[in-house]
Amino acid sequence: MNYWKEHSQLRIILMLTTFVLGLVLIVRGWMMTGQMAGLGLMLVGVALLLSTLYLYNARFTDGKKR
């Protein structure tokens, strides 16, 4: 079910991809100051950075709901 949790190489590739893409989108959106499209790019970039944190922390969860 969570194939990427057990495979560290895949998780690292996903984390690097989401991190770099998130930073690129944030910087690109920041350069478009005053435009709604820039805000949208920055929000998508923040979402990608949060998904990077989720991928990193997924390894440390035991799968139980508390």
N, C-alpha and C. Protein backbone atom coordinates (compact mmCIF):
# COMPACT_ATOMS: atom_id res chain seq x y z
N MET A 1 0.82 -1.19 0.00
CA MET A 1 0.00 0.00 0.00
C MET A 1 0.86 1.25 0.00
N ASN A 2 1.81 1.35 0.88
CA ASN A 2 2.72 2.49 0.92
C ASN A 2 4.11 2.05 0.50
N TYR A 3 4.23 1.76 -0.76
CA TYR A 3 5.46 1.23 -1.32
C TYR A 3 6.65 2.15 -1.05
N TRP A 4 6.44 3.46 -1.14
CA TRP A 4 7.52 4.42 -1.02
C TRP A 4 8.01 4.56 0.43
N LYS A 5 7.22 4.09 1.41
CA LYS A 5 7.67 4.19 2.80
C LYS A 5 8.82 3.23 3.08
N GLU A 6 8.79 2.05 2.47
CA GLU A 6 9.80 1.03 2.73
C GLU A 6 11.02 1.15 1.82
N HIS A 7 10.94 1.91 0.76
CA HIS A 7 12.04 2.02 -0.19
C HIS A 7 12.68 3.39 -0.08
N SER A 8 13.83 3.43 0.57
CA SER A 8 14.45 4.72 0.90
C SER A 8 14.93 5.47 -0.35
N GLN A 9 15.42 4.78 -1.36
CA GLN A 9 15.91 5.48 -2.55
C GLN A 9 14.77 6.20 -3.27
N LEU A 10 13.63 5.55 -3.38
CA LEU A 10 12.48 6.19 -4.01
C LEU A 10 12.02 7.39 -3.20
N ARG A 11 12.00 7.24 -1.87
CA ARG A 11 11.58 8.34 -1.00
C ARG A 11 12.54 9.52 -1.12
N ILE A 12 13.83 9.27 -1.21
CA ILE A 12 14.82 10.34 -1.34
C ILE A 12 14.64 11.07 -2.68
N ILE A 13 14.40 10.32 -3.74
CA ILE A 13 14.19 10.93 -5.05
C ILE A 13 12.92 11.80 -5.03
N LEU A 14 11.84 11.28 -4.42
CA LEU A 14 10.61 12.06 -4.31
C LEU A 14 10.82 13.32 -3.48
N MET A 15 11.56 13.20 -2.37
CA MET A 15 11.81 14.36 -1.52
C MET A 15 12.64 15.41 -2.25
N LEU A 16 13.68 14.99 -2.94
CA LEU A 16 14.49 15.95 -3.69
C LEU A 16 13.69 16.65 -4.78
N THR A 17 12.87 15.87 -5.47
CA THR A 17 12.07 16.44 -6.55
C THR A 17 11.07 17.46 -6.01
N THR A 18 10.34 17.11 -4.97
CA THR A 18 9.34 18.03 -4.43
C THR A 18 9.99 19.25 -3.79
N PHE A 19 11.15 19.06 -3.16
CA PHE A 19 11.84 20.19 -2.52
C PHE A 19 12.34 21.19 -3.56
N VAL A 20 13.03 20.69 -4.56
CA VAL A 20 13.59 21.59 -5.59
C VAL A 20 12.47 22.26 -6.37
N LEU A 21 11.46 21.52 -6.77
CA LEU A 21 10.35 22.10 -7.51
C LEU A 21 9.59 23.12 -6.67
N GLY A 22 9.42 22.83 -5.38
CA GLY A 22 8.76 23.78 -4.49
C GLY A 22 9.53 25.08 -4.36
N LEU A 23 10.85 24.99 -4.20
CA LEU A 23 11.65 26.21 -4.11
C LEU A 23 11.63 27.00 -5.41
N VAL A 24 11.70 26.30 -6.53
CA VAL A 24 11.66 26.98 -7.83
C VAL A 24 10.34 27.73 -7.99
N LEU A 25 9.23 27.10 -7.63
CA LEU A 25 7.94 27.75 -7.77
C LEU A 25 7.79 28.95 -6.83
N ILE A 26 8.32 28.83 -5.62
CA ILE A 26 8.25 29.95 -4.69
C ILE A 26 9.06 31.14 -5.20
N VAL A 27 10.26 30.89 -5.67
CA VAL A 27 11.09 31.98 -6.18
C VAL A 27 10.48 32.58 -7.44
N ARG A 28 9.97 31.74 -8.32
CA ARG A 28 9.34 32.23 -9.56
C ARG A 28 8.10 33.07 -9.24
N GLY A 29 7.31 32.63 -8.28
CA GLY A 29 6.14 33.39 -7.88
C GLY A 29 6.51 34.69 -7.20
N TRP A 30 7.59 34.69 -6.45
CA TRP A 30 8.05 35.89 -5.77
C TRP A 30 8.48 36.95 -6.80
N MET A 31 9.04 36.49 -7.90
CA MET A 31 9.46 37.42 -8.96
C MET A 31 8.26 38.03 -9.67
N MET A 32 7.08 37.47 -9.50
CA MET A 32 5.87 37.98 -10.14
C MET A 32 5.03 38.77 -9.13
N THR A 33 5.68 39.57 -8.31
CA THR A 33 5.00 40.31 -7.25
C THR A 33 3.90 41.20 -7.84
N GLY A 34 2.73 41.17 -7.21
CA GLY A 34 1.62 41.99 -7.66
C GLY A 34 0.67 41.28 -8.60
N GLN A 35 0.97 40.06 -8.97
CA GLN A 35 0.11 39.31 -9.88
C GLN A 35 -0.49 38.11 -9.13
N MET A 36 -1.73 37.80 -9.44
CA MET A 36 -2.38 36.65 -8.80
C MET A 36 -1.70 35.34 -9.19
N ALA A 37 -1.16 35.27 -10.38
CA ALA A 37 -0.48 34.04 -10.81
C ALA A 37 0.75 33.78 -9.94
N GLY A 38 1.43 34.85 -9.52
CA GLY A 38 2.58 34.70 -8.64
C GLY A 38 2.19 34.14 -7.30
N LEU A 39 1.05 34.61 -6.77
CA LEU A 39 0.55 34.07 -5.50
C LEU A 39 0.21 32.59 -5.65
N GLY A 40 -0.41 32.24 -6.76
CA GLY A 40 -0.75 30.84 -7.00
C GLY A 40 0.49 29.95 -7.07
N LEU A 41 1.52 30.44 -7.75
CA LEU A 41 2.76 29.66 -7.83
C LEU A 41 3.39 29.48 -6.46
N MET A 42 3.37 30.53 -5.65
CA MET A 42 3.95 30.43 -4.31
C MET A 42 3.16 29.46 -3.44
N LEU A 43 1.83 29.46 -3.56
CA LEU A 43 1.02 28.53 -2.78
C LEU A 43 1.28 27.08 -3.18
N VAL A 44 1.42 26.84 -4.46
CA VAL A 44 1.75 25.48 -4.92
C VAL A 44 3.14 25.09 -4.42
N GLY A 45 4.08 26.04 -4.42
CA GLY A 45 5.42 25.76 -3.91
C GLY A 45 5.42 25.42 -2.44
N VAL A 46 4.61 26.13 -1.66
CA VAL A 46 4.51 25.82 -0.22
C VAL A 46 3.89 24.44 -0.03
N ALA A 47 2.89 24.11 -0.83
CA ALA A 47 2.28 22.78 -0.74
C ALA A 47 3.30 21.69 -1.05
N LEU A 48 4.16 21.94 -2.03
CA LEU A 48 5.21 20.94 -2.34
C LEU A 48 6.22 20.83 -1.22
N LEU A 49 6.57 21.94 -0.57
CA LEU A 49 7.49 21.87 0.55
C LEU A 49 6.86 21.11 1.73
N LEU A 50 5.56 21.31 1.95
CA LEU A 50 4.88 20.55 2.99
C LEU A 50 4.80 19.07 2.65
N SER A 51 4.64 18.75 1.39
CA SER A 51 4.64 17.33 1.00
C SER A 51 6.03 16.72 1.19
N THR A 52 7.08 17.52 1.03
CA THR A 52 8.42 17.03 1.32
C THR A 52 8.55 16.66 2.78
N LEU A 53 8.02 17.51 3.66
CA LEU A 53 8.04 17.19 5.09
C LEU A 53 7.24 15.93 5.39
N TYR A 54 6.11 15.76 4.73
CA TYR A 54 5.30 14.56 4.92
C TYR A 54 6.07 13.31 4.51
N LEU A 55 6.73 13.37 3.36
CA LEU A 55 7.51 12.22 2.90
C LEU A 55 8.65 11.89 3.85
N TYR A 56 9.27 12.93 4.40
CA TYR A 56 10.37 12.70 5.34
C TYR A 56 9.85 12.05 6.62
N ASN A 57 8.74 12.54 7.14
CA ASN A 57 8.23 12.04 8.41
C ASN A 57 7.49 10.72 8.28
N ALA A 58 7.11 10.31 7.09
CA ALA A 58 6.35 9.07 6.91
C ALA A 58 7.15 7.85 7.36
N ARG A 59 8.44 7.92 7.29
CA ARG A 59 9.28 6.80 7.71
C ARG A 59 9.19 6.56 9.21
N PHE A 60 8.91 7.60 9.96
CA PHE A 60 8.93 7.49 11.41
C PHE A 60 7.57 7.18 12.02
N THR A 61 6.54 7.08 11.20
CA THR A 61 5.22 6.73 11.72
C THR A 61 5.11 5.22 11.80
N ASP A 62 4.34 4.76 12.77
CA ASP A 62 4.16 3.31 12.92
C ASP A 62 2.86 2.81 12.30
N GLY A 63 2.08 3.71 11.72
CA GLY A 63 0.86 3.32 11.04
C GLY A 63 -0.36 3.27 11.93
N LYS A 64 -0.21 3.53 13.23
CA LYS A 64 -1.34 3.51 14.15
C LYS A 64 -1.94 4.90 14.27
N LYS A 65 -3.26 4.95 14.29
CA LYS A 65 -3.95 6.21 14.52
C LYS A 65 -4.05 6.45 16.02
N ARG A 66 -3.82 7.67 16.44
CA ARG A 66 -3.88 7.96 17.89
C ARG A 66 -5.04 8.82 18.22
